[in-house]
Amino acid sequence: MKETKSKIFEAAQAVFLRKGLEAATMSDIAKEACISRPSLHYYHRTKHGLFSDILAKAVKDIISQVQPVVDSDLSLLKKAEKTIDIYHEILLENPLMPLFLISEARRNPQALLELLYTHGHIDVLVAQLHKRHAGELHQGRLPLEAMAHFLNTFCGLLFFPFLAKPLLDAVIFRENPTAFKRFVEERREIILRMLSVLVKPTGHALKKK
């Protein structure tokens, strides 16, 4: 049963990538997974339900790795560094994940929020980071909005290359199968340098007007 579920998830991701969520059908997914449609319906009644299950599993897998980093005594920037490594490893194996999140945010934002709260405990993570690390940002007098700047910058720098991967592959990397992986690895230091501006009291982005 576990093997069948994994096969269905892999097939669904391939079909969603190739056709998009709206154009994909359960028949397409069943054919891709080499199972009958009734067998597919035994596990998942609708493609949207399957799509949500894929996202829920992805979120839970990520949080299980990120939570120990958040709980550690490392500085905010060191936590970002370790989290970048975790995300890059996961996203290089599952480059569709950011696209799936964006698609769900547009299709059903309330469902995505519920998923992030239920499986990702995103509210707890953000509150925990702010409580522990506000003092590292702008001499400890930083309002909650500054943590929002930090997290938004972090997520944007981390996820956008994967959203742009088809364009990067087509226009810049061409037929080089290893170029994108090298590009992602090089971005690690770029992301950290840009984040360091936000955690330094002298960072221009956080100076009082």
N, C-alpha and C. Protein backbone atom coordinates (compact mmCIF):
# COMPACT_ATOMS: atom_id res chain seq x y z
N MET A 1 0.83 -1.20 0.00
CA MET A 1 0.00 0.00 0.00
C MET A 1 0.87 1.26 0.00
N LYS A 2 1.92 1.27 0.82
CA LYS A 2 2.81 2.42 0.88
C LYS A 2 3.49 2.66 -0.45
N GLU A 3 3.89 1.57 -1.11
CA GLU A 3 4.53 1.68 -2.42
C GLU A 3 3.57 2.26 -3.45
N THR A 4 2.31 1.84 -3.39
CA THR A 4 1.30 2.35 -4.32
C THR A 4 1.07 3.84 -4.11
N LYS A 5 0.99 4.26 -2.85
CA LYS A 5 0.80 5.67 -2.55
C LYS A 5 1.96 6.50 -3.07
N SER A 6 3.18 6.02 -2.89
CA SER A 6 4.36 6.74 -3.38
C SER A 6 4.32 6.84 -4.90
N LYS A 7 3.91 5.75 -5.55
CA LYS A 7 3.82 5.74 -7.01
C LYS A 7 2.77 6.74 -7.49
N ILE A 8 1.66 6.82 -6.79
CA ILE A 8 0.60 7.77 -7.15
C ILE A 8 1.10 9.20 -6.98
N PHE A 9 1.78 9.49 -5.88
CA PHE A 9 2.30 10.83 -5.64
C PHE A 9 3.28 11.23 -6.74
N GLU A 10 4.18 10.34 -7.09
CA GLU A 10 5.17 10.64 -8.14
C GLU A 10 4.49 10.86 -9.48
N ALA A 11 3.51 10.03 -9.78
CA ALA A 11 2.78 10.17 -11.04
C ALA A 11 2.00 11.48 -11.08
N ALA A 12 1.35 11.81 -9.98
CA ALA A 12 0.56 13.04 -9.93
C ALA A 12 1.44 14.26 -10.11
N GLN A 13 2.60 14.27 -9.46
CA GLN A 13 3.50 15.41 -9.61
C GLN A 13 3.94 15.56 -11.06
N ALA A 14 4.24 14.44 -11.71
CA ALA A 14 4.66 14.50 -13.11
C ALA A 14 3.54 15.04 -14.00
N VAL A 15 2.33 14.58 -13.76
CA VAL A 15 1.19 15.03 -14.58
C VAL A 15 0.86 16.50 -14.31
N PHE A 16 0.90 16.90 -13.03
CA PHE A 16 0.63 18.30 -12.70
C PHE A 16 1.66 19.22 -13.34
N LEU A 17 2.91 18.78 -13.37
CA LEU A 17 3.95 19.59 -14.01
C LEU A 17 3.71 19.69 -15.51
N ARG A 18 3.37 18.58 -16.12
CA ARG A 18 3.23 18.54 -17.57
C ARG A 18 1.98 19.28 -18.05
N LYS A 19 0.88 19.16 -17.31
CA LYS A 19 -0.39 19.69 -17.79
C LYS A 19 -0.94 20.84 -16.96
N GLY A 20 -0.44 20.99 -15.74
CA GLY A 20 -1.03 21.96 -14.84
C GLY A 20 -2.18 21.32 -14.08
N LEU A 21 -2.52 21.89 -12.94
CA LEU A 21 -3.54 21.30 -12.08
C LEU A 21 -4.90 21.23 -12.76
N GLU A 22 -5.32 22.31 -13.39
CA GLU A 22 -6.67 22.35 -13.95
C GLU A 22 -6.83 21.43 -15.15
N ALA A 23 -5.80 21.31 -15.98
CA ALA A 23 -5.91 20.47 -17.17
C ALA A 23 -5.70 18.99 -16.87
N ALA A 24 -5.02 18.68 -15.79
CA ALA A 24 -4.76 17.28 -15.43
C ALA A 24 -6.06 16.57 -15.05
N THR A 25 -6.13 15.29 -15.33
CA THR A 25 -7.30 14.49 -14.96
C THR A 25 -6.86 13.28 -14.13
N MET A 26 -7.80 12.70 -13.44
CA MET A 26 -7.50 11.49 -12.67
C MET A 26 -7.10 10.35 -13.60
N SER A 27 -7.67 10.33 -14.80
CA SER A 27 -7.29 9.30 -15.78
C SER A 27 -5.83 9.46 -16.17
N ASP A 28 -5.39 10.70 -16.35
CA ASP A 28 -3.98 10.95 -16.67
C ASP A 28 -3.07 10.41 -15.58
N ILE A 29 -3.46 10.67 -14.33
CA ILE A 29 -2.64 10.26 -13.20
C ILE A 29 -2.62 8.74 -13.07
N ALA A 30 -3.77 8.11 -13.25
CA ALA A 30 -3.83 6.65 -13.18
C ALA A 30 -2.96 6.01 -14.26
N LYS A 31 -3.02 6.57 -15.46
CA LYS A 31 -2.21 6.05 -16.56
C LYS A 31 -0.73 6.23 -16.27
N GLU A 32 -0.37 7.39 -15.73
CA GLU A 32 1.04 7.66 -15.40
C GLU A 32 1.54 6.70 -14.32
N ALA A 33 0.67 6.37 -13.37
CA ALA A 33 1.05 5.48 -12.26
C ALA A 33 0.91 3.99 -12.63
N CYS A 34 0.40 3.74 -13.82
CA CYS A 34 0.20 2.36 -14.30
C CYS A 34 -0.75 1.57 -13.38
N ILE A 35 -1.82 2.24 -12.97
CA ILE A 35 -2.86 1.58 -12.18
C ILE A 35 -4.21 1.94 -12.79
N SER A 36 -5.24 1.21 -12.39
CA SER A 36 -6.58 1.51 -12.91
C SER A 36 -7.15 2.75 -12.23
N ARG A 37 -8.10 3.36 -12.89
CA ARG A 37 -8.74 4.53 -12.28
C ARG A 37 -9.49 4.17 -10.99
N PRO A 38 -10.20 3.04 -10.94
CA PRO A 38 -10.83 2.66 -9.66
C PRO A 38 -9.80 2.50 -8.53
N SER A 39 -8.62 1.98 -8.87
CA SER A 39 -7.58 1.84 -7.85
C SER A 39 -7.13 3.20 -7.35
N LEU A 40 -7.00 4.15 -8.28
CA LEU A 40 -6.62 5.50 -7.89
C LEU A 40 -7.69 6.13 -6.99
N HIS A 41 -8.95 5.91 -7.33
CA HIS A 41 -10.05 6.48 -6.55
C HIS A 41 -10.15 5.85 -5.16
N TYR A 42 -9.61 4.65 -5.02
CA TYR A 42 -9.59 4.02 -3.69
C TYR A 42 -8.75 4.85 -2.72
N TYR A 43 -7.67 5.46 -3.24
CA TYR A 43 -6.78 6.26 -2.40
C TYR A 43 -7.15 7.74 -2.41
N HIS A 44 -7.60 8.25 -3.56
CA HIS A 44 -7.87 9.68 -3.69
C HIS A 44 -9.11 9.86 -4.56
N ARG A 45 -10.11 10.56 -4.02
CA ARG A 45 -11.36 10.71 -4.73
C ARG A 45 -11.29 11.77 -5.82
N THR A 46 -10.49 12.83 -5.60
CA THR A 46 -10.40 13.92 -6.58
C THR A 46 -8.96 14.34 -6.78
N LYS A 47 -8.71 14.99 -7.89
CA LYS A 47 -7.34 15.47 -8.14
C LYS A 47 -6.97 16.59 -7.19
N HIS A 48 -7.96 17.41 -6.80
CA HIS A 48 -7.66 18.49 -5.87
C HIS A 48 -7.33 17.93 -4.48
N GLY A 49 -8.00 16.87 -4.11
CA GLY A 49 -7.67 16.22 -2.85
C GLY A 49 -6.29 15.61 -2.89
N LEU A 50 -5.94 15.01 -4.02
CA LEU A 50 -4.60 14.44 -4.20
C LEU A 50 -3.55 15.54 -4.16
N PHE A 51 -3.85 16.63 -4.82
CA PHE A 51 -2.93 17.78 -4.83
C PHE A 51 -2.69 18.28 -3.40
N SER A 52 -3.75 18.40 -2.62
CA SER A 52 -3.63 18.86 -1.23
C SER A 52 -2.85 17.86 -0.38
N ASP A 53 -3.04 16.57 -0.64
CA ASP A 53 -2.31 15.54 0.11
C ASP A 53 -0.81 15.61 -0.19
N ILE A 54 -0.46 15.89 -1.44
CA ILE A 54 0.95 16.05 -1.81
C ILE A 54 1.55 17.22 -1.06
N LEU A 55 0.83 18.32 -1.02
CA LEU A 55 1.33 19.50 -0.30
C LEU A 55 1.45 19.23 1.19
N ALA A 56 0.46 18.56 1.78
CA ALA A 56 0.50 18.27 3.21
C ALA A 56 1.70 17.41 3.56
N LYS A 57 1.97 16.40 2.76
CA LYS A 57 3.13 15.54 3.01
C LYS A 57 4.42 16.33 2.90
N ALA A 58 4.50 17.20 1.89
CA ALA A 58 5.71 18.00 1.69
C ALA A 58 5.94 18.93 2.89
N VAL A 59 4.88 19.58 3.35
CA VAL A 59 4.99 20.49 4.48
C VAL A 59 5.44 19.75 5.73
N LYS A 60 4.83 18.59 6.01
CA LYS A 60 5.20 17.82 7.19
C LYS A 60 6.64 17.33 7.12
N ASP A 61 7.07 16.91 5.94
CA ASP A 61 8.46 16.45 5.78
C ASP A 61 9.45 17.58 6.04
N ILE A 62 9.12 18.77 5.55
CA ILE A 62 10.01 19.91 5.74
C ILE A 62 10.06 20.33 7.20
N ILE A 63 8.91 20.44 7.82
CA ILE A 63 8.85 20.90 9.22
C ILE A 63 9.60 19.94 10.14
N SER A 64 9.53 18.64 9.85
CA SER A 64 10.22 17.67 10.70
C SER A 64 11.72 17.90 10.69
N GLN A 65 12.24 18.50 9.62
CA GLN A 65 13.67 18.79 9.54
C GLN A 65 14.01 20.20 10.02
N VAL A 66 13.09 21.14 9.81
CA VAL A 66 13.36 22.52 10.17
C VAL A 66 13.15 22.78 11.67
N GLN A 67 12.18 22.09 12.28
CA GLN A 67 11.86 22.36 13.68
C GLN A 67 13.06 22.23 14.61
N PRO A 68 13.89 21.18 14.49
CA PRO A 68 15.07 21.10 15.37
C PRO A 68 16.02 22.29 15.21
N VAL A 69 16.10 22.84 14.01
CA VAL A 69 16.95 24.01 13.78
C VAL A 69 16.37 25.22 14.50
N VAL A 70 15.05 25.40 14.38
CA VAL A 70 14.38 26.52 15.05
C VAL A 70 14.53 26.40 16.57
N ASP A 71 14.48 25.18 17.09
CA ASP A 71 14.56 24.95 18.52
C ASP A 71 15.98 25.10 19.08
N SER A 72 16.96 25.14 18.21
CA SER A 72 18.35 25.18 18.65
C SER A 72 18.72 26.55 19.22
N ASP A 73 19.93 26.64 19.78
CA ASP A 73 20.42 27.89 20.35
C ASP A 73 21.26 28.71 19.36
N LEU A 74 21.19 28.36 18.10
CA LEU A 74 21.95 29.08 17.08
C LEU A 74 21.40 30.49 16.89
N SER A 75 22.22 31.37 16.32
CA SER A 75 21.77 32.70 15.97
C SER A 75 20.77 32.62 14.82
N LEU A 76 20.06 33.71 14.58
CA LEU A 76 19.08 33.73 13.50
C LEU A 76 19.73 33.47 12.15
N LEU A 77 20.87 34.06 11.91
CA LEU A 77 21.54 33.88 10.63
C LEU A 77 22.06 32.45 10.47
N LYS A 78 22.55 31.86 11.55
CA LYS A 78 23.01 30.47 11.49
C LYS A 78 21.83 29.52 11.25
N LYS A 79 20.70 29.84 11.84
CA LYS A 79 19.50 29.04 11.60
C LYS A 79 19.08 29.14 10.14
N ALA A 80 19.17 30.35 9.59
CA ALA A 80 18.85 30.55 8.17
C ALA A 80 19.79 29.73 7.30
N GLU A 81 21.06 29.71 7.66
CA GLU A 81 22.06 28.96 6.89
C GLU A 81 21.72 27.47 6.85
N LYS A 82 21.40 26.90 8.01
CA LYS A 82 21.07 25.48 8.06
C LYS A 82 19.75 25.19 7.34
N THR A 83 18.80 26.13 7.46
CA THR A 83 17.51 25.93 6.81
C THR A 83 17.64 26.00 5.29
N ILE A 84 18.52 26.87 4.81
CA ILE A 84 18.78 26.93 3.37
C ILE A 84 19.26 25.59 2.86
N ASP A 85 20.19 24.97 3.59
CA ASP A 85 20.72 23.67 3.18
C ASP A 85 19.62 22.62 3.14
N ILE A 86 18.73 22.65 4.13
CA ILE A 86 17.62 21.69 4.17
C ILE A 86 16.70 21.88 2.98
N TYR A 87 16.30 23.13 2.74
CA TYR A 87 15.38 23.41 1.64
C TYR A 87 16.01 23.10 0.29
N HIS A 88 17.27 23.46 0.10
CA HIS A 88 17.90 23.20 -1.19
C HIS A 88 17.95 21.70 -1.48
N GLU A 89 18.25 20.91 -0.48
CA GLU A 89 18.29 19.45 -0.70
C GLU A 89 16.90 18.93 -1.08
N ILE A 90 15.88 19.41 -0.37
CA ILE A 90 14.52 18.96 -0.66
C ILE A 90 14.04 19.47 -2.01
N LEU A 91 14.29 20.74 -2.30
CA LEU A 91 13.76 21.33 -3.52
C LEU A 91 14.48 20.85 -4.77
N LEU A 92 15.75 20.50 -4.66
CA LEU A 92 16.45 19.94 -5.81
C LEU A 92 15.87 18.58 -6.19
N GLU A 93 15.34 17.86 -5.19
CA GLU A 93 14.68 16.58 -5.46
C GLU A 93 13.21 16.78 -5.84
N ASN A 94 12.61 17.88 -5.36
CA ASN A 94 11.19 18.16 -5.62
C ASN A 94 11.03 19.61 -6.08
N PRO A 95 11.54 19.94 -7.26
CA PRO A 95 11.52 21.34 -7.72
C PRO A 95 10.12 21.90 -7.96
N LEU A 96 9.11 21.03 -7.97
CA LEU A 96 7.74 21.50 -8.20
C LEU A 96 7.09 22.09 -6.96
N MET A 97 7.66 21.84 -5.80
CA MET A 97 6.99 22.22 -4.56
C MET A 97 6.62 23.71 -4.49
N PRO A 98 7.54 24.64 -4.80
CA PRO A 98 7.14 26.05 -4.76
C PRO A 98 6.01 26.37 -5.73
N LEU A 99 6.05 25.76 -6.91
CA LEU A 99 4.98 25.98 -7.88
C LEU A 99 3.64 25.47 -7.36
N PHE A 100 3.67 24.30 -6.70
CA PHE A 100 2.45 23.76 -6.12
C PHE A 100 1.90 24.70 -5.05
N LEU A 101 2.78 25.26 -4.22
CA LEU A 101 2.33 26.17 -3.17
C LEU A 101 1.70 27.43 -3.75
N ILE A 102 2.33 27.98 -4.79
CA ILE A 102 1.80 29.17 -5.44
C ILE A 102 0.45 28.86 -6.09
N SER A 103 0.37 27.70 -6.74
CA SER A 103 -0.89 27.31 -7.39
C SER A 103 -2.02 27.18 -6.38
N GLU A 104 -1.71 26.57 -5.23
CA GLU A 104 -2.73 26.40 -4.21
C GLU A 104 -3.11 27.73 -3.58
N ALA A 105 -2.12 28.63 -3.44
CA ALA A 105 -2.40 29.95 -2.88
C ALA A 105 -3.36 30.72 -3.76
N ARG A 106 -3.26 30.55 -5.06
CA ARG A 106 -4.16 31.24 -5.99
C ARG A 106 -5.51 30.54 -6.07
N ARG A 107 -5.50 29.21 -6.04
CA ARG A 107 -6.74 28.44 -6.20
C ARG A 107 -7.58 28.46 -4.94
N ASN A 108 -6.94 28.24 -3.80
CA ASN A 108 -7.69 28.12 -2.55
C ASN A 108 -6.82 28.61 -1.39
N PRO A 109 -6.68 29.92 -1.25
CA PRO A 109 -5.78 30.46 -0.21
C PRO A 109 -6.15 30.03 1.20
N GLN A 110 -7.44 29.90 1.49
CA GLN A 110 -7.85 29.50 2.84
C GLN A 110 -7.39 28.07 3.14
N ALA A 111 -7.49 27.19 2.15
CA ALA A 111 -7.06 25.81 2.34
C ALA A 111 -5.56 25.73 2.58
N LEU A 112 -4.80 26.57 1.85
CA LEU A 112 -3.35 26.58 2.05
C LEU A 112 -3.00 27.07 3.45
N LEU A 113 -3.70 28.10 3.91
CA LEU A 113 -3.45 28.60 5.26
C LEU A 113 -3.74 27.52 6.31
N GLU A 114 -4.85 26.82 6.12
CA GLU A 114 -5.19 25.75 7.06
C GLU A 114 -4.12 24.66 7.06
N LEU A 115 -3.61 24.35 5.87
CA LEU A 115 -2.57 23.34 5.75
C LEU A 115 -1.31 23.78 6.50
N LEU A 116 -0.91 25.04 6.31
CA LEU A 116 0.30 25.56 6.95
C LEU A 116 0.15 25.65 8.46
N TYR A 117 -1.07 25.97 8.91
CA TYR A 117 -1.32 26.03 10.36
C TYR A 117 -1.39 24.62 10.96
N THR A 118 -2.08 23.72 10.27
CA THR A 118 -2.32 22.39 10.81
C THR A 118 -1.08 21.51 10.75
N HIS A 119 -0.43 21.48 9.58
CA HIS A 119 0.72 20.59 9.40
C HIS A 119 2.06 21.29 9.56
N GLY A 120 2.07 22.60 9.34
CA GLY A 120 3.33 23.33 9.42
C GLY A 120 3.51 24.12 10.70
N HIS A 121 2.39 24.33 11.44
CA HIS A 121 2.45 25.12 12.67
C HIS A 121 3.21 26.43 12.42
N ILE A 122 2.88 27.06 11.29
CA ILE A 122 3.64 28.22 10.86
C ILE A 122 3.53 29.38 11.84
N ASP A 123 2.38 29.52 12.48
CA ASP A 123 2.21 30.61 13.44
C ASP A 123 3.12 30.43 14.65
N VAL A 124 3.28 29.18 15.09
CA VAL A 124 4.15 28.89 16.23
C VAL A 124 5.60 29.13 15.87
N LEU A 125 5.99 28.72 14.67
CA LEU A 125 7.38 28.90 14.24
C LEU A 125 7.75 30.38 14.16
N VAL A 126 6.87 31.18 13.58
CA VAL A 126 7.15 32.61 13.44
C VAL A 126 7.22 33.28 14.80
N ALA A 127 6.27 32.95 15.68
CA ALA A 127 6.27 33.53 17.02
C ALA A 127 7.53 33.13 17.79
N GLN A 128 7.96 31.89 17.60
CA GLN A 128 9.16 31.40 18.28
C GLN A 128 10.41 32.13 17.78
N LEU A 129 10.49 32.33 16.48
CA LEU A 129 11.63 33.05 15.92
C LEU A 129 11.67 34.49 16.39
N HIS A 130 10.51 35.13 16.41
CA HIS A 130 10.46 36.53 16.82
C HIS A 130 10.83 36.68 18.30
N LYS A 131 10.33 35.78 19.12
CA LYS A 131 10.60 35.86 20.55
C LYS A 131 12.09 35.67 20.84
N ARG A 132 12.71 34.75 20.13
CA ARG A 132 14.11 34.43 20.40
C ARG A 132 15.09 35.40 19.76
N HIS A 133 14.70 35.98 18.60
CA HIS A 133 15.70 36.67 17.80
C HIS A 133 15.42 38.13 17.52
N ALA A 134 14.36 38.69 18.09
CA ALA A 134 14.09 40.11 17.87
C ALA A 134 15.28 40.95 18.30
N GLY A 135 15.99 40.50 19.34
CA GLY A 135 17.14 41.25 19.82
C GLY A 135 18.30 41.29 18.86
N GLU A 136 18.32 40.39 17.90
CA GLU A 136 19.40 40.37 16.91
C GLU A 136 19.12 41.34 15.76
N LEU A 137 17.90 41.84 15.71
CA LEU A 137 17.51 42.71 14.62
C LEU A 137 17.31 44.13 15.14
N HIS A 138 18.09 45.03 14.64
CA HIS A 138 17.96 46.45 14.98
C HIS A 138 17.99 46.69 16.49
N GLN A 139 19.01 46.16 17.14
CA GLN A 139 19.31 46.41 18.55
C GLN A 139 18.18 45.99 19.48
N GLY A 140 17.37 45.03 19.05
CA GLY A 140 16.31 44.50 19.91
C GLY A 140 15.09 45.38 20.03
N ARG A 141 15.04 46.49 19.27
CA ARG A 141 13.87 47.37 19.34
C ARG A 141 13.01 47.23 18.08
N LEU A 142 13.10 46.07 17.48
CA LEU A 142 12.46 45.87 16.18
C LEU A 142 11.00 45.45 16.34
N PRO A 143 10.09 46.08 15.62
CA PRO A 143 8.70 45.62 15.64
C PRO A 143 8.57 44.32 14.85
N LEU A 144 7.42 43.69 14.98
CA LEU A 144 7.20 42.40 14.32
C LEU A 144 7.38 42.50 12.81
N GLU A 145 7.13 43.69 12.24
CA GLU A 145 7.24 43.85 10.79
C GLU A 145 8.65 43.53 10.29
N ALA A 146 9.67 43.78 11.10
CA ALA A 146 11.03 43.51 10.66
C ALA A 146 11.29 42.02 10.50
N MET A 147 10.68 41.21 11.37
CA MET A 147 10.78 39.76 11.19
C MET A 147 10.07 39.36 9.90
N ALA A 148 8.97 40.05 9.59
CA ALA A 148 8.28 39.78 8.34
C ALA A 148 9.19 40.08 7.15
N HIS A 149 9.95 41.19 7.23
CA HIS A 149 10.91 41.51 6.16
C HIS A 149 11.95 40.41 6.04
N PHE A 150 12.45 39.96 7.16
CA PHE A 150 13.49 38.92 7.14
C PHE A 150 12.95 37.63 6.51
N LEU A 151 11.78 37.18 6.96
CA LEU A 151 11.22 35.93 6.45
C LEU A 151 10.80 36.04 4.99
N ASN A 152 10.25 37.20 4.62
CA ASN A 152 9.85 37.39 3.23
C ASN A 152 11.06 37.39 2.30
N THR A 153 12.13 38.06 2.73
CA THR A 153 13.36 38.07 1.94
C THR A 153 13.94 36.67 1.82
N PHE A 154 13.95 35.96 2.94
CA PHE A 154 14.45 34.59 2.96
C PHE A 154 13.69 33.71 1.98
N CYS A 155 12.36 33.73 2.07
CA CYS A 155 11.53 32.88 1.21
C CYS A 155 11.65 33.26 -0.26
N GLY A 156 11.66 34.55 -0.53
CA GLY A 156 11.77 35.00 -1.92
C GLY A 156 13.07 34.57 -2.56
N LEU A 157 14.17 34.80 -1.85
CA LEU A 157 15.49 34.42 -2.38
C LEU A 157 15.63 32.91 -2.53
N LEU A 158 14.99 32.19 -1.63
CA LEU A 158 15.12 30.73 -1.62
C LEU A 158 14.26 30.07 -2.70
N PHE A 159 13.01 30.53 -2.84
CA PHE A 159 12.06 29.82 -3.68
C PHE A 159 12.01 30.30 -5.13
N PHE A 160 12.29 31.58 -5.37
CA PHE A 160 12.08 32.08 -6.73
C PHE A 160 12.91 31.35 -7.79
N PRO A 161 14.18 30.99 -7.53
CA PRO A 161 14.92 30.27 -8.58
C PRO A 161 14.24 28.98 -9.02
N PHE A 162 13.53 28.32 -8.12
CA PHE A 162 12.84 27.09 -8.49
C PHE A 162 11.59 27.39 -9.30
N LEU A 163 10.93 28.51 -9.01
CA LEU A 163 9.80 28.93 -9.84
C LEU A 163 10.26 29.32 -11.24
N ALA A 164 11.46 29.88 -11.30
CA ALA A 164 12.00 30.35 -12.58
C ALA A 164 12.81 29.28 -13.30
N LYS A 165 12.91 28.10 -12.74
CA LYS A 165 13.77 27.05 -13.32
C LYS A 165 13.49 26.76 -14.79
N PRO A 166 12.22 26.60 -15.23
CA PRO A 166 12.00 26.34 -16.66
C PRO A 166 12.58 27.43 -17.55
N LEU A 167 12.43 28.69 -17.14
CA LEU A 167 12.97 29.81 -17.92
C LEU A 167 14.49 29.82 -17.88
N LEU A 168 15.07 29.59 -16.71
CA LEU A 168 16.53 29.55 -16.58
C LEU A 168 17.12 28.43 -17.44
N ASP A 169 16.49 27.27 -17.38
CA ASP A 169 16.97 26.14 -18.17
C ASP A 169 16.91 26.43 -19.67
N ALA A 170 15.81 27.06 -20.09
CA ALA A 170 15.60 27.30 -21.52
C ALA A 170 16.49 28.41 -22.06
N VAL A 171 16.65 29.48 -21.29
CA VAL A 171 17.32 30.68 -21.80
C VAL A 171 18.80 30.74 -21.45
N ILE A 172 19.16 30.28 -20.25
CA ILE A 172 20.54 30.46 -19.77
C ILE A 172 21.31 29.15 -19.74
N PHE A 173 20.76 28.13 -19.09
CA PHE A 173 21.53 26.90 -18.88
C PHE A 173 21.47 25.95 -20.07
N ARG A 174 20.50 26.16 -20.93
CA ARG A 174 20.36 25.37 -22.16
C ARG A 174 20.30 23.87 -21.86
N GLU A 175 21.24 23.12 -22.43
CA GLU A 175 21.19 21.66 -22.30
C GLU A 175 22.07 21.14 -21.18
N ASN A 176 22.62 22.02 -20.37
CA ASN A 176 23.53 21.59 -19.29
C ASN A 176 22.72 21.05 -18.12
N PRO A 177 22.76 19.74 -17.86
CA PRO A 177 21.90 19.14 -16.82
C PRO A 177 22.35 19.45 -15.40
N THR A 178 23.59 19.90 -15.22
CA THR A 178 24.10 20.16 -13.86
C THR A 178 24.16 21.66 -13.53
N ALA A 179 23.84 22.50 -14.50
CA ALA A 179 24.01 23.94 -14.31
C ALA A 179 23.10 24.49 -13.22
N PHE A 180 21.86 24.06 -13.20
CA PHE A 180 20.92 24.62 -12.22
C PHE A 180 21.33 24.23 -10.81
N LYS A 181 21.79 23.01 -10.61
CA LYS A 181 22.24 22.57 -9.28
C LYS A 181 23.41 23.42 -8.81
N ARG A 182 24.36 23.69 -9.69
CA ARG A 182 25.50 24.55 -9.33
C ARG A 182 25.02 25.96 -9.00
N PHE A 183 24.08 26.44 -9.80
CA PHE A 183 23.52 27.77 -9.57
C PHE A 183 22.90 27.87 -8.18
N VAL A 184 22.13 26.87 -7.80
CA VAL A 184 21.49 26.85 -6.49
C VAL A 184 22.53 26.82 -5.38
N GLU A 185 23.57 26.01 -5.55
CA GLU A 185 24.63 25.92 -4.54
C GLU A 185 25.36 27.25 -4.38
N GLU A 186 25.57 27.96 -5.48
CA GLU A 186 26.25 29.26 -5.43
C GLU A 186 25.38 30.31 -4.74
N ARG A 187 24.06 30.17 -4.88
CA ARG A 187 23.16 31.16 -4.28
C ARG A 187 23.15 31.10 -2.77
N ARG A 188 23.61 30.03 -2.19
CA ARG A 188 23.62 29.89 -0.73
C ARG A 188 24.33 31.07 -0.09
N GLU A 189 25.52 31.39 -0.55
CA GLU A 189 26.28 32.50 0.03
C GLU A 189 25.66 33.85 -0.30
N ILE A 190 25.06 33.95 -1.48
CA ILE A 190 24.39 35.20 -1.86
C ILE A 190 23.21 35.47 -0.94
N ILE A 191 22.42 34.45 -0.68
CA ILE A 191 21.26 34.60 0.22
C ILE A 191 21.72 35.04 1.60
N LEU A 192 22.76 34.39 2.12
CA LEU A 192 23.23 34.72 3.47
C LEU A 192 23.77 36.15 3.54
N ARG A 193 24.46 36.60 2.50
CA ARG A 193 24.97 37.98 2.49
C ARG A 193 23.82 38.97 2.50
N MET A 194 22.78 38.70 1.74
CA MET A 194 21.65 39.61 1.68
C MET A 194 20.86 39.61 2.99
N LEU A 195 20.74 38.45 3.61
CA LEU A 195 20.04 38.38 4.90
C LEU A 195 20.84 39.07 5.99
N SER A 196 22.16 39.04 5.89
CA SER A 196 23.00 39.63 6.94
C SER A 196 22.75 41.14 7.05
N VAL A 197 22.34 41.76 5.97
CA VAL A 197 22.01 43.18 6.02
C VAL A 197 20.84 43.44 6.97
N LEU A 198 19.90 42.51 6.97
CA LEU A 198 18.71 42.69 7.79
C LEU A 198 18.94 42.39 9.27
N VAL A 199 19.96 41.64 9.60
CA VAL A 199 20.18 41.29 11.00
C VAL A 199 21.21 42.19 11.66
N LYS A 200 21.82 43.08 10.89
CA LYS A 200 22.81 43.99 11.48
C LYS A 200 22.13 45.29 11.89
N PRO A 201 22.43 45.80 13.08
CA PRO A 201 21.84 47.07 13.53
C PRO A 201 22.10 48.21 12.57
N THR A 202 23.21 48.15 11.82
CA THR A 202 23.55 49.23 10.90
C THR A 202 22.95 49.02 9.51
N GLY A 203 22.20 47.91 9.34
CA GLY A 203 21.63 47.64 8.03
C GLY A 203 20.74 48.79 7.58
N HIS A 204 20.97 49.27 6.36
CA HIS A 204 20.25 50.45 5.90
C HIS A 204 18.76 50.21 5.81
N ALA A 205 18.35 48.94 5.58
CA ALA A 205 16.93 48.65 5.41
C ALA A 205 16.16 48.81 6.71
N LEU A 206 16.87 48.82 7.85
CA LEU A 206 16.18 48.87 9.13
C LEU A 206 16.45 50.15 9.90
N LYS A 207 17.10 51.12 9.27
CA LYS A 207 17.35 52.38 9.96
C LYS A 207 16.06 53.16 10.14
N LYS A 208 15.99 53.88 11.22
CA LYS A 208 14.82 54.72 11.44
C LYS A 208 14.83 55.88 10.48
N LYS A 209 13.65 56.26 10.07
CA LYS A 209 13.55 57.40 9.16
C LYS A 209 13.70 58.68 9.94
